[in-house]
Amino acid sequence: MYADKSLVSTEAVRLAALGRLMAGTMTYAELAQDIRFFTARIVGPSLDLLGSSLELLHLDGSLEPVSGENLHDDTELRITDQGRDLFENLMEANLKTPLDDTGRLVMALKLRFLFLLPEDGQLDQIDLLREIAEIELARLEDLKESYDEGALGKSLALDIEQTRARIAWLSKLEAELESAA
């Protein structure tokens, strides 16, 4: 974790694994495939996002085999209480702006696993995501003010429109969650 409490790429992979296991057990091979598929669709193939993260989660006690001790492709895995605590800690991580590949991945993971948090945690994450979108909107508007000509100006206008739509969507999501409580 960086000093600003944002996640490094290996922690994003840990969040992906723990979040998926929060939903139920699955084999080592299935979990690795799920992580690889999701991360590649968000940020593209990346060696930084592959590797020994699952083994480390096993070594630190965050996940465990349902039976036995060793990890093999067909080993059924489950999350531990320590893993649940780590999941919640990783979900509370900050995001840096502007979003880089890891930031986009963490944002997608926060949205993917938002429902696994208690209601107050969900509201906190929605506030964080809206704040990030508002910072991004200000950055884009400032950039457009200085470079509004031609195709760049039109592209920035599109980005601004999408960011405003994201802010409105997050506000609606927050209102729905509050009214359901």
N, C-alpha and C. Protein backbone atom coordinates (compact mmCIF):
# COMPACT_ATOMS: atom_id res chain seq x y z
N MET A 1 0.85 -1.17 0.00
CA MET A 1 0.00 0.00 0.00
C MET A 1 0.90 1.23 0.00
N TYR A 2 0.52 2.21 -0.82
CA TYR A 2 1.27 3.45 -0.86
C TYR A 2 0.97 4.28 0.40
N ALA A 3 1.77 5.32 0.61
CA ALA A 3 1.61 6.17 1.78
C ALA A 3 0.22 6.82 1.83
N ASP A 4 -0.37 7.09 0.66
CA ASP A 4 -1.70 7.71 0.61
C ASP A 4 -2.83 6.69 0.76
N LYS A 5 -2.47 5.47 1.14
CA LYS A 5 -3.41 4.37 1.37
C LYS A 5 -4.10 3.89 0.09
N SER A 6 -3.46 4.09 -1.06
CA SER A 6 -3.95 3.51 -2.30
C SER A 6 -3.20 2.20 -2.54
N LEU A 7 -3.79 1.33 -3.34
CA LEU A 7 -3.25 -0.01 -3.50
C LEU A 7 -2.22 -0.10 -4.61
N VAL A 8 -1.23 -0.94 -4.40
CA VAL A 8 -0.30 -1.31 -5.46
C VAL A 8 -0.93 -2.46 -6.23
N SER A 9 -0.38 -2.79 -7.39
CA SER A 9 -1.01 -3.78 -8.27
C SER A 9 -1.18 -5.14 -7.61
N THR A 10 -0.21 -5.59 -6.83
CA THR A 10 -0.35 -6.91 -6.19
C THR A 10 -1.49 -6.91 -5.17
N GLU A 11 -1.73 -5.78 -4.52
CA GLU A 11 -2.85 -5.70 -3.58
C GLU A 11 -4.19 -5.69 -4.32
N ALA A 12 -4.20 -5.13 -5.52
CA ALA A 12 -5.42 -5.18 -6.33
C ALA A 12 -5.77 -6.62 -6.66
N VAL A 13 -4.76 -7.43 -6.97
CA VAL A 13 -4.99 -8.85 -7.24
C VAL A 13 -5.48 -9.55 -5.98
N ARG A 14 -4.93 -9.20 -4.85
CA ARG A 14 -5.40 -9.78 -3.58
C ARG A 14 -6.86 -9.43 -3.34
N LEU A 15 -7.23 -8.19 -3.62
CA LEU A 15 -8.62 -7.77 -3.48
C LEU A 15 -9.51 -8.59 -4.42
N ALA A 16 -9.07 -8.80 -5.64
CA ALA A 16 -9.85 -9.59 -6.61
C ALA A 16 -10.06 -11.01 -6.08
N ALA A 17 -9.02 -11.61 -5.55
CA ALA A 17 -9.12 -12.99 -5.05
C ALA A 17 -10.02 -13.07 -3.83
N LEU A 18 -9.80 -12.19 -2.87
CA LEU A 18 -10.58 -12.25 -1.63
C LEU A 18 -12.04 -11.91 -1.89
N GLY A 19 -12.29 -10.94 -2.73
CA GLY A 19 -13.67 -10.59 -3.05
C GLY A 19 -14.41 -11.75 -3.70
N ARG A 20 -13.73 -12.42 -4.60
CA ARG A 20 -14.36 -13.56 -5.26
C ARG A 20 -14.63 -14.69 -4.26
N LEU A 21 -13.71 -14.92 -3.35
CA LEU A 21 -13.91 -15.97 -2.35
C LEU A 21 -14.95 -15.59 -1.30
N MET A 22 -15.20 -14.28 -1.12
CA MET A 22 -16.26 -13.86 -0.20
C MET A 22 -17.61 -14.40 -0.68
N ALA A 23 -17.75 -14.59 -1.98
CA ALA A 23 -19.00 -15.08 -2.54
C ALA A 23 -19.14 -16.59 -2.43
N GLY A 24 -18.07 -17.30 -2.13
CA GLY A 24 -18.13 -18.74 -1.98
C GLY A 24 -16.84 -19.42 -2.40
N THR A 25 -16.75 -20.71 -2.10
CA THR A 25 -15.54 -21.45 -2.41
C THR A 25 -15.42 -21.68 -3.91
N MET A 26 -14.20 -21.88 -4.34
CA MET A 26 -13.91 -22.27 -5.73
C MET A 26 -12.52 -22.86 -5.77
N THR A 27 -12.20 -23.54 -6.85
CA THR A 27 -10.89 -24.16 -6.93
C THR A 27 -9.83 -23.10 -7.23
N TYR A 28 -8.60 -23.48 -6.93
CA TYR A 28 -7.45 -22.62 -7.21
C TYR A 28 -7.43 -22.21 -8.68
N ALA A 29 -7.63 -23.20 -9.58
CA ALA A 29 -7.60 -22.92 -11.02
C ALA A 29 -8.73 -21.97 -11.42
N GLU A 30 -9.92 -22.18 -10.88
CA GLU A 30 -11.06 -21.29 -11.20
C GLU A 30 -10.80 -19.88 -10.71
N LEU A 31 -10.24 -19.76 -9.51
CA LEU A 31 -9.95 -18.44 -8.95
C LEU A 31 -8.89 -17.73 -9.78
N ALA A 32 -7.83 -18.44 -10.12
CA ALA A 32 -6.77 -17.84 -10.94
C ALA A 32 -7.33 -17.39 -12.29
N GLN A 33 -8.18 -18.20 -12.90
CA GLN A 33 -8.78 -17.85 -14.19
C GLN A 33 -9.69 -16.63 -14.06
N ASP A 34 -10.48 -16.58 -12.99
CA ASP A 34 -11.38 -15.44 -12.77
C ASP A 34 -10.57 -14.14 -12.65
N ILE A 35 -9.51 -14.18 -11.87
CA ILE A 35 -8.67 -13.00 -11.68
C ILE A 35 -8.03 -12.59 -13.00
N ARG A 36 -7.46 -13.55 -13.70
CA ARG A 36 -6.80 -13.27 -14.97
C ARG A 36 -7.78 -12.67 -15.98
N PHE A 37 -8.97 -13.26 -16.09
CA PHE A 37 -9.98 -12.78 -17.03
C PHE A 37 -10.40 -11.35 -16.69
N PHE A 38 -10.75 -11.11 -15.43
CA PHE A 38 -11.25 -9.79 -15.02
C PHE A 38 -10.18 -8.71 -15.20
N THR A 39 -8.98 -8.98 -14.70
CA THR A 39 -7.93 -7.95 -14.79
C THR A 39 -7.55 -7.67 -16.23
N ALA A 40 -7.49 -8.70 -17.06
CA ALA A 40 -7.14 -8.48 -18.47
C ALA A 40 -8.20 -7.66 -19.19
N ARG A 41 -9.46 -7.81 -18.80
CA ARG A 41 -10.53 -7.05 -19.46
C ARG A 41 -10.54 -5.58 -19.00
N ILE A 42 -10.01 -5.32 -17.82
CA ILE A 42 -9.98 -3.95 -17.31
C ILE A 42 -8.71 -3.23 -17.75
N VAL A 43 -7.55 -3.85 -17.58
CA VAL A 43 -6.28 -3.16 -17.85
C VAL A 43 -5.43 -3.82 -18.93
N GLY A 44 -5.89 -4.91 -19.50
CA GLY A 44 -5.09 -5.63 -20.48
C GLY A 44 -4.15 -6.61 -19.78
N PRO A 45 -3.52 -7.47 -20.56
CA PRO A 45 -2.60 -8.44 -19.96
C PRO A 45 -1.44 -7.71 -19.28
N SER A 46 -1.08 -8.16 -18.11
CA SER A 46 -0.02 -7.49 -17.36
C SER A 46 0.71 -8.50 -16.49
N LEU A 47 2.03 -8.56 -16.64
CA LEU A 47 2.82 -9.43 -15.79
C LEU A 47 2.79 -8.99 -14.34
N ASP A 48 2.61 -7.68 -14.10
CA ASP A 48 2.54 -7.17 -12.73
C ASP A 48 1.34 -7.73 -11.98
N LEU A 49 0.30 -8.12 -12.71
CA LEU A 49 -0.93 -8.56 -12.07
C LEU A 49 -1.05 -10.08 -12.00
N LEU A 50 -0.01 -10.77 -12.39
CA LEU A 50 0.00 -12.21 -12.29
C LEU A 50 1.09 -12.62 -11.32
N GLY A 51 1.12 -13.85 -10.97
CA GLY A 51 2.21 -14.29 -10.13
C GLY A 51 1.75 -14.99 -8.89
N SER A 52 2.44 -14.73 -7.81
CA SER A 52 2.29 -15.55 -6.61
C SER A 52 1.29 -15.00 -5.60
N SER A 53 0.38 -14.12 -5.99
CA SER A 53 -0.54 -13.52 -5.03
C SER A 53 -1.40 -14.54 -4.29
N LEU A 54 -1.86 -15.57 -5.00
CA LEU A 54 -2.70 -16.58 -4.33
C LEU A 54 -1.89 -17.37 -3.32
N GLU A 55 -0.66 -17.70 -3.67
CA GLU A 55 0.18 -18.42 -2.73
C GLU A 55 0.45 -17.56 -1.49
N LEU A 56 0.66 -16.27 -1.70
CA LEU A 56 0.89 -15.37 -0.56
C LEU A 56 -0.34 -15.28 0.33
N LEU A 57 -1.52 -15.26 -0.27
CA LEU A 57 -2.75 -15.24 0.52
C LEU A 57 -2.89 -16.52 1.35
N HIS A 58 -2.41 -17.61 0.81
CA HIS A 58 -2.43 -18.86 1.56
C HIS A 58 -1.41 -18.81 2.70
N LEU A 59 -0.22 -18.32 2.40
CA LEU A 59 0.83 -18.26 3.42
C LEU A 59 0.48 -17.31 4.57
N ASP A 60 -0.20 -16.19 4.24
CA ASP A 60 -0.52 -15.25 5.32
C ASP A 60 -1.82 -15.60 6.05
N GLY A 61 -2.47 -16.70 5.63
CA GLY A 61 -3.66 -17.16 6.33
C GLY A 61 -4.96 -16.52 5.88
N SER A 62 -4.96 -15.83 4.74
CA SER A 62 -6.18 -15.16 4.26
C SER A 62 -7.11 -16.11 3.52
N LEU A 63 -6.55 -17.16 2.95
CA LEU A 63 -7.37 -18.19 2.32
C LEU A 63 -6.78 -19.54 2.72
N GLU A 64 -7.62 -20.55 2.61
CA GLU A 64 -7.17 -21.88 2.99
C GLU A 64 -7.88 -22.93 2.15
N PRO A 65 -7.24 -24.08 1.99
CA PRO A 65 -7.93 -25.17 1.31
C PRO A 65 -9.08 -25.67 2.18
N VAL A 66 -10.15 -26.08 1.53
CA VAL A 66 -11.28 -26.64 2.26
C VAL A 66 -10.84 -27.92 2.96
N SER A 67 -9.98 -28.68 2.29
CA SER A 67 -9.40 -29.88 2.93
C SER A 67 -7.95 -30.01 2.48
N GLY A 68 -7.12 -30.56 3.33
CA GLY A 68 -5.71 -30.70 3.02
C GLY A 68 -4.94 -29.42 3.31
N GLU A 69 -3.70 -29.38 2.86
CA GLU A 69 -2.84 -28.23 3.13
C GLU A 69 -2.24 -27.60 1.89
N ASN A 70 -2.04 -28.38 0.83
CA ASN A 70 -1.33 -27.90 -0.35
C ASN A 70 -2.28 -27.28 -1.37
N LEU A 71 -1.72 -26.39 -2.20
CA LEU A 71 -2.48 -25.76 -3.26
C LEU A 71 -2.16 -26.44 -4.59
N HIS A 72 -3.19 -26.97 -5.22
CA HIS A 72 -3.10 -27.54 -6.56
C HIS A 72 -4.23 -26.93 -7.37
N ASP A 73 -4.22 -27.13 -8.67
CA ASP A 73 -5.26 -26.55 -9.52
C ASP A 73 -6.66 -26.93 -9.08
N ASP A 74 -6.84 -28.16 -8.58
CA ASP A 74 -8.18 -28.61 -8.21
C ASP A 74 -8.48 -28.45 -6.72
N THR A 75 -7.61 -27.76 -5.98
CA THR A 75 -7.83 -27.53 -4.56
C THR A 75 -8.96 -26.53 -4.36
N GLU A 76 -9.97 -26.92 -3.62
CA GLU A 76 -11.08 -26.02 -3.29
C GLU A 76 -10.60 -25.05 -2.20
N LEU A 77 -10.81 -23.75 -2.44
CA LEU A 77 -10.34 -22.72 -1.52
C LEU A 77 -11.51 -22.00 -0.86
N ARG A 78 -11.25 -21.49 0.32
CA ARG A 78 -12.23 -20.64 1.02
C ARG A 78 -11.48 -19.51 1.72
N ILE A 79 -12.19 -18.46 1.98
CA ILE A 79 -11.62 -17.30 2.68
C ILE A 79 -11.67 -17.57 4.19
N THR A 80 -10.71 -17.04 4.91
CA THR A 80 -10.66 -17.18 6.37
C THR A 80 -11.17 -15.88 7.01
N ASP A 81 -11.33 -15.89 8.32
CA ASP A 81 -11.71 -14.66 9.02
C ASP A 81 -10.66 -13.57 8.80
N GLN A 82 -9.40 -13.96 8.82
CA GLN A 82 -8.32 -13.00 8.55
C GLN A 82 -8.44 -12.45 7.13
N GLY A 83 -8.82 -13.30 6.20
CA GLY A 83 -9.03 -12.87 4.82
C GLY A 83 -10.19 -11.90 4.69
N ARG A 84 -11.25 -12.13 5.46
CA ARG A 84 -12.39 -11.20 5.44
C ARG A 84 -11.96 -9.81 5.95
N ASP A 85 -11.16 -9.81 7.01
CA ASP A 85 -10.65 -8.53 7.53
C ASP A 85 -9.78 -7.83 6.49
N LEU A 86 -8.91 -8.60 5.83
CA LEU A 86 -8.04 -8.02 4.80
C LEU A 86 -8.87 -7.50 3.64
N PHE A 87 -9.90 -8.24 3.24
CA PHE A 87 -10.80 -7.79 2.17
C PHE A 87 -11.38 -6.43 2.50
N GLU A 88 -11.94 -6.29 3.70
CA GLU A 88 -12.54 -5.01 4.09
C GLU A 88 -11.50 -3.90 4.12
N ASN A 89 -10.30 -4.19 4.59
CA ASN A 89 -9.23 -3.20 4.61
C ASN A 89 -8.85 -2.77 3.19
N LEU A 90 -8.74 -3.72 2.27
CA LEU A 90 -8.40 -3.40 0.89
C LEU A 90 -9.53 -2.62 0.21
N MET A 91 -10.76 -2.97 0.53
CA MET A 91 -11.90 -2.25 -0.06
C MET A 91 -11.93 -0.79 0.40
N GLU A 92 -11.38 -0.49 1.57
CA GLU A 92 -11.38 0.87 2.10
C GLU A 92 -10.24 1.72 1.54
N ALA A 93 -9.40 1.15 0.70
CA ALA A 93 -8.24 1.87 0.17
C ALA A 93 -8.66 3.08 -0.65
N ASN A 94 -7.79 4.08 -0.66
CA ASN A 94 -8.00 5.27 -1.47
C ASN A 94 -7.71 5.00 -2.94
N LEU A 95 -8.09 5.93 -3.77
CA LEU A 95 -7.75 5.92 -5.19
C LEU A 95 -7.01 7.20 -5.50
N LYS A 96 -5.99 7.10 -6.34
CA LYS A 96 -5.25 8.28 -6.79
C LYS A 96 -5.89 8.83 -8.06
N THR A 97 -5.79 10.12 -8.24
CA THR A 97 -6.24 10.71 -9.50
C THR A 97 -5.05 11.39 -10.16
N PRO A 98 -5.00 11.42 -11.48
CA PRO A 98 -5.87 10.68 -12.38
C PRO A 98 -5.62 9.19 -12.26
N LEU A 99 -6.65 8.42 -12.59
CA LEU A 99 -6.57 6.97 -12.44
C LEU A 99 -5.58 6.38 -13.44
N ASP A 100 -4.65 5.56 -12.95
CA ASP A 100 -3.78 4.79 -13.82
C ASP A 100 -4.41 3.40 -13.97
N ASP A 101 -3.69 2.46 -14.58
CA ASP A 101 -4.25 1.12 -14.79
C ASP A 101 -4.65 0.46 -13.47
N THR A 102 -3.80 0.55 -12.47
CA THR A 102 -4.13 -0.07 -11.18
C THR A 102 -5.33 0.63 -10.55
N GLY A 103 -5.39 1.94 -10.66
CA GLY A 103 -6.53 2.68 -10.12
C GLY A 103 -7.84 2.30 -10.78
N ARG A 104 -7.81 2.13 -12.12
CA ARG A 104 -9.02 1.71 -12.83
C ARG A 104 -9.44 0.31 -12.39
N LEU A 105 -8.45 -0.56 -12.19
CA LEU A 105 -8.75 -1.91 -11.73
C LEU A 105 -9.34 -1.89 -10.33
N VAL A 106 -8.75 -1.12 -9.42
CA VAL A 106 -9.27 -1.05 -8.05
C VAL A 106 -10.68 -0.47 -8.05
N MET A 107 -10.94 0.55 -8.86
CA MET A 107 -12.28 1.13 -8.94
C MET A 107 -13.28 0.07 -9.42
N ALA A 108 -12.91 -0.70 -10.44
CA ALA A 108 -13.80 -1.74 -10.94
C ALA A 108 -14.03 -2.82 -9.88
N LEU A 109 -12.99 -3.16 -9.13
CA LEU A 109 -13.14 -4.15 -8.07
C LEU A 109 -14.03 -3.63 -6.95
N LYS A 110 -13.89 -2.36 -6.61
CA LYS A 110 -14.76 -1.77 -5.59
C LYS A 110 -16.22 -1.87 -6.02
N LEU A 111 -16.50 -1.58 -7.28
CA LEU A 111 -17.87 -1.67 -7.78
C LEU A 111 -18.33 -3.13 -7.84
N ARG A 112 -17.44 -4.02 -8.26
CA ARG A 112 -17.80 -5.43 -8.37
C ARG A 112 -18.18 -6.03 -7.02
N PHE A 113 -17.45 -5.65 -5.98
CA PHE A 113 -17.65 -6.27 -4.67
C PHE A 113 -18.34 -5.35 -3.66
N LEU A 114 -18.88 -4.24 -4.10
CA LEU A 114 -19.53 -3.29 -3.22
C LEU A 114 -20.61 -3.95 -2.37
N PHE A 115 -21.38 -4.84 -2.96
CA PHE A 115 -22.49 -5.48 -2.26
C PHE A 115 -22.04 -6.36 -1.09
N LEU A 116 -20.75 -6.70 -1.03
CA LEU A 116 -20.24 -7.55 0.05
C LEU A 116 -19.95 -6.76 1.33
N LEU A 117 -19.98 -5.44 1.24
CA LEU A 117 -19.71 -4.60 2.41
C LEU A 117 -21.01 -4.31 3.16
N PRO A 118 -20.90 -4.02 4.46
CA PRO A 118 -22.09 -3.55 5.18
C PRO A 118 -22.55 -2.21 4.59
N GLU A 119 -23.78 -1.85 4.86
CA GLU A 119 -24.37 -0.67 4.24
C GLU A 119 -23.52 0.59 4.44
N ASP A 120 -23.02 0.83 5.65
CA ASP A 120 -22.23 2.04 5.87
C ASP A 120 -20.92 1.99 5.07
N GLY A 121 -20.35 0.82 4.90
CA GLY A 121 -19.16 0.67 4.07
C GLY A 121 -19.46 0.93 2.61
N GLN A 122 -20.63 0.49 2.16
CA GLN A 122 -21.03 0.75 0.78
C GLN A 122 -21.18 2.25 0.55
N LEU A 123 -21.83 2.93 1.49
CA LEU A 123 -22.01 4.38 1.35
C LEU A 123 -20.67 5.12 1.36
N ASP A 124 -19.75 4.67 2.20
CA ASP A 124 -18.41 5.28 2.22
C ASP A 124 -17.71 5.12 0.87
N GLN A 125 -17.83 3.93 0.29
CA GLN A 125 -17.17 3.69 -1.00
C GLN A 125 -17.82 4.50 -2.12
N ILE A 126 -19.13 4.63 -2.08
CA ILE A 126 -19.81 5.46 -3.09
C ILE A 126 -19.35 6.90 -2.97
N ASP A 127 -19.22 7.40 -1.74
CA ASP A 127 -18.71 8.77 -1.53
C ASP A 127 -17.30 8.91 -2.08
N LEU A 128 -16.45 7.93 -1.82
CA LEU A 128 -15.07 7.96 -2.32
C LEU A 128 -15.06 7.98 -3.85
N LEU A 129 -15.84 7.12 -4.47
CA LEU A 129 -15.87 7.05 -5.93
C LEU A 129 -16.43 8.34 -6.53
N ARG A 130 -17.42 8.93 -5.88
CA ARG A 130 -17.96 10.20 -6.37
C ARG A 130 -16.93 11.31 -6.22
N GLU A 131 -16.21 11.33 -5.12
CA GLU A 131 -15.16 12.33 -4.92
C GLU A 131 -14.07 12.21 -5.99
N ILE A 132 -13.69 10.99 -6.30
CA ILE A 132 -12.69 10.76 -7.35
C ILE A 132 -13.23 11.27 -8.69
N ALA A 133 -14.50 10.99 -8.98
CA ALA A 133 -15.10 11.46 -10.23
C ALA A 133 -15.17 12.99 -10.27
N GLU A 134 -15.44 13.62 -9.15
CA GLU A 134 -15.51 15.08 -9.11
C GLU A 134 -14.12 15.70 -9.32
N ILE A 135 -13.09 15.08 -8.77
CA ILE A 135 -11.72 15.55 -9.01
C ILE A 135 -11.37 15.39 -10.49
N GLU A 136 -11.77 14.26 -11.05
CA GLU A 136 -11.51 14.01 -12.48
C GLU A 136 -12.26 15.01 -13.34
N LEU A 137 -13.49 15.33 -12.97
CA LEU A 137 -14.27 16.32 -13.72
C LEU A 137 -13.58 17.67 -13.70
N ALA A 138 -13.11 18.10 -12.56
CA ALA A 138 -12.41 19.39 -12.47
C ALA A 138 -11.15 19.38 -13.33
N ARG A 139 -10.42 18.28 -13.33
CA ARG A 139 -9.20 18.16 -14.14
C ARG A 139 -9.54 18.26 -15.63
N LEU A 140 -10.58 17.55 -16.04
CA LEU A 140 -10.97 17.57 -17.45
C LEU A 140 -11.48 18.94 -17.89
N GLU A 141 -12.27 19.58 -17.03
CA GLU A 141 -12.78 20.91 -17.37
C GLU A 141 -11.64 21.91 -17.48
N ASP A 142 -10.66 21.81 -16.60
CA ASP A 142 -9.49 22.69 -16.66
C ASP A 142 -8.71 22.45 -17.95
N LEU A 143 -8.55 21.20 -18.31
CA LEU A 143 -7.84 20.86 -19.54
C LEU A 143 -8.60 21.37 -20.76
N LYS A 144 -9.91 21.21 -20.76
CA LYS A 144 -10.73 21.66 -21.89
C LYS A 144 -10.70 23.18 -22.02
N GLU A 145 -10.66 23.87 -20.90
CA GLU A 145 -10.60 25.33 -20.92
C GLU A 145 -9.34 25.81 -21.65
N SER A 146 -8.27 25.08 -21.49
CA SER A 146 -7.00 25.47 -22.12
C SER A 146 -6.83 24.91 -23.53
N TYR A 147 -7.44 23.76 -23.80
CA TYR A 147 -7.23 23.09 -25.09
C TYR A 147 -8.56 22.64 -25.67
N ASP A 148 -9.37 23.60 -26.07
CA ASP A 148 -10.73 23.31 -26.52
C ASP A 148 -10.85 23.15 -28.03
N GLU A 149 -9.77 23.30 -28.76
CA GLU A 149 -9.88 23.29 -30.21
C GLU A 149 -9.87 21.88 -30.80
N GLY A 150 -10.53 21.76 -31.94
CA GLY A 150 -10.46 20.55 -32.74
C GLY A 150 -10.96 19.29 -32.07
N ALA A 151 -10.38 18.18 -32.51
CA ALA A 151 -10.79 16.87 -32.03
C ALA A 151 -10.50 16.69 -30.54
N LEU A 152 -9.42 17.30 -30.04
CA LEU A 152 -9.12 17.18 -28.61
C LEU A 152 -10.24 17.80 -27.78
N GLY A 153 -10.69 18.98 -28.17
CA GLY A 153 -11.77 19.63 -27.44
C GLY A 153 -13.04 18.79 -27.43
N LYS A 154 -13.35 18.17 -28.57
CA LYS A 154 -14.53 17.31 -28.66
C LYS A 154 -14.36 16.05 -27.80
N SER A 155 -13.17 15.51 -27.81
CA SER A 155 -12.90 14.33 -26.99
C SER A 155 -13.01 14.67 -25.50
N LEU A 156 -12.48 15.82 -25.11
CA LEU A 156 -12.58 16.24 -23.72
C LEU A 156 -14.04 16.48 -23.32
N ALA A 157 -14.82 17.05 -24.24
CA ALA A 157 -16.25 17.26 -23.96
C ALA A 157 -16.95 15.92 -23.72
N LEU A 158 -16.59 14.91 -24.50
CA LEU A 158 -17.16 13.58 -24.31
C LEU A 158 -16.76 13.01 -22.95
N ASP A 159 -15.48 13.16 -22.59
CA ASP A 159 -15.01 12.68 -21.29
C ASP A 159 -15.72 13.40 -20.15
N ILE A 160 -15.94 14.69 -20.30
CA ILE A 160 -16.64 15.48 -19.28
C ILE A 160 -18.08 14.98 -19.14
N GLU A 161 -18.73 14.75 -20.26
CA GLU A 161 -20.12 14.24 -20.23
C GLU A 161 -20.18 12.88 -19.53
N GLN A 162 -19.24 11.99 -19.83
CA GLN A 162 -19.23 10.68 -19.20
C GLN A 162 -18.95 10.78 -17.70
N THR A 163 -18.08 11.68 -17.31
CA THR A 163 -17.76 11.85 -15.89
C THR A 163 -18.95 12.42 -15.14
N ARG A 164 -19.64 13.38 -15.73
CA ARG A 164 -20.86 13.91 -15.10
C ARG A 164 -21.92 12.82 -14.96
N ALA A 165 -22.04 11.97 -15.97
CA ALA A 165 -23.00 10.86 -15.90
C ALA A 165 -22.61 9.89 -14.78
N ARG A 166 -21.31 9.64 -14.60
CA ARG A 166 -20.85 8.76 -13.53
C ARG A 166 -21.21 9.35 -12.17
N ILE A 167 -21.01 10.66 -12.00
CA ILE A 167 -21.34 11.32 -10.74
C ILE A 167 -22.84 11.20 -10.46
N ALA A 168 -23.65 11.42 -11.48
CA ALA A 168 -25.11 11.31 -11.31
C ALA A 168 -25.50 9.86 -10.98
N TRP A 169 -24.87 8.90 -11.64
CA TRP A 169 -25.16 7.49 -11.38
C TRP A 169 -24.78 7.11 -9.95
N LEU A 170 -23.63 7.57 -9.48
CA LEU A 170 -23.21 7.29 -8.10
C LEU A 170 -24.16 7.93 -7.10
N SER A 171 -24.63 9.13 -7.38
CA SER A 171 -25.60 9.79 -6.48
C SER A 171 -26.90 9.00 -6.44
N LYS A 172 -27.34 8.50 -7.58
CA LYS A 172 -28.57 7.70 -7.64
C LYS A 172 -28.37 6.38 -6.88
N LEU A 173 -27.22 5.75 -7.05
CA LEU A 173 -26.92 4.51 -6.34
C LEU A 173 -26.94 4.74 -4.83
N GLU A 174 -26.38 5.84 -4.39
CA GLU A 174 -26.39 6.19 -2.96
C GLU A 174 -27.81 6.38 -2.46
N ALA A 175 -28.62 7.10 -3.22
CA ALA A 175 -30.02 7.34 -2.82
C ALA A 175 -30.79 6.03 -2.74
N GLU A 176 -30.58 5.13 -3.69
CA GLU A 176 -31.26 3.83 -3.68
C GLU A 176 -30.87 3.02 -2.46
N LEU A 177 -29.58 3.04 -2.12
CA LEU A 177 -29.11 2.30 -0.96
C LEU A 177 -29.69 2.88 0.34
N GLU A 178 -29.74 4.20 0.42
CA GLU A 178 -30.28 4.85 1.62
C GLU A 178 -31.78 4.59 1.76
N SER A 179 -32.50 4.59 0.64
CA SER A 179 -33.95 4.38 0.73
C SER A 179 -34.29 2.92 1.02
N ALA A 180 -33.40 2.00 0.67
CA ALA A 180 -33.65 0.58 0.95
C ALA A 180 -33.40 0.26 2.43
N ALA A 181 -32.69 1.14 3.12
CA ALA A 181 -32.34 0.87 4.53
C ALA A 181 -33.47 1.17 5.48
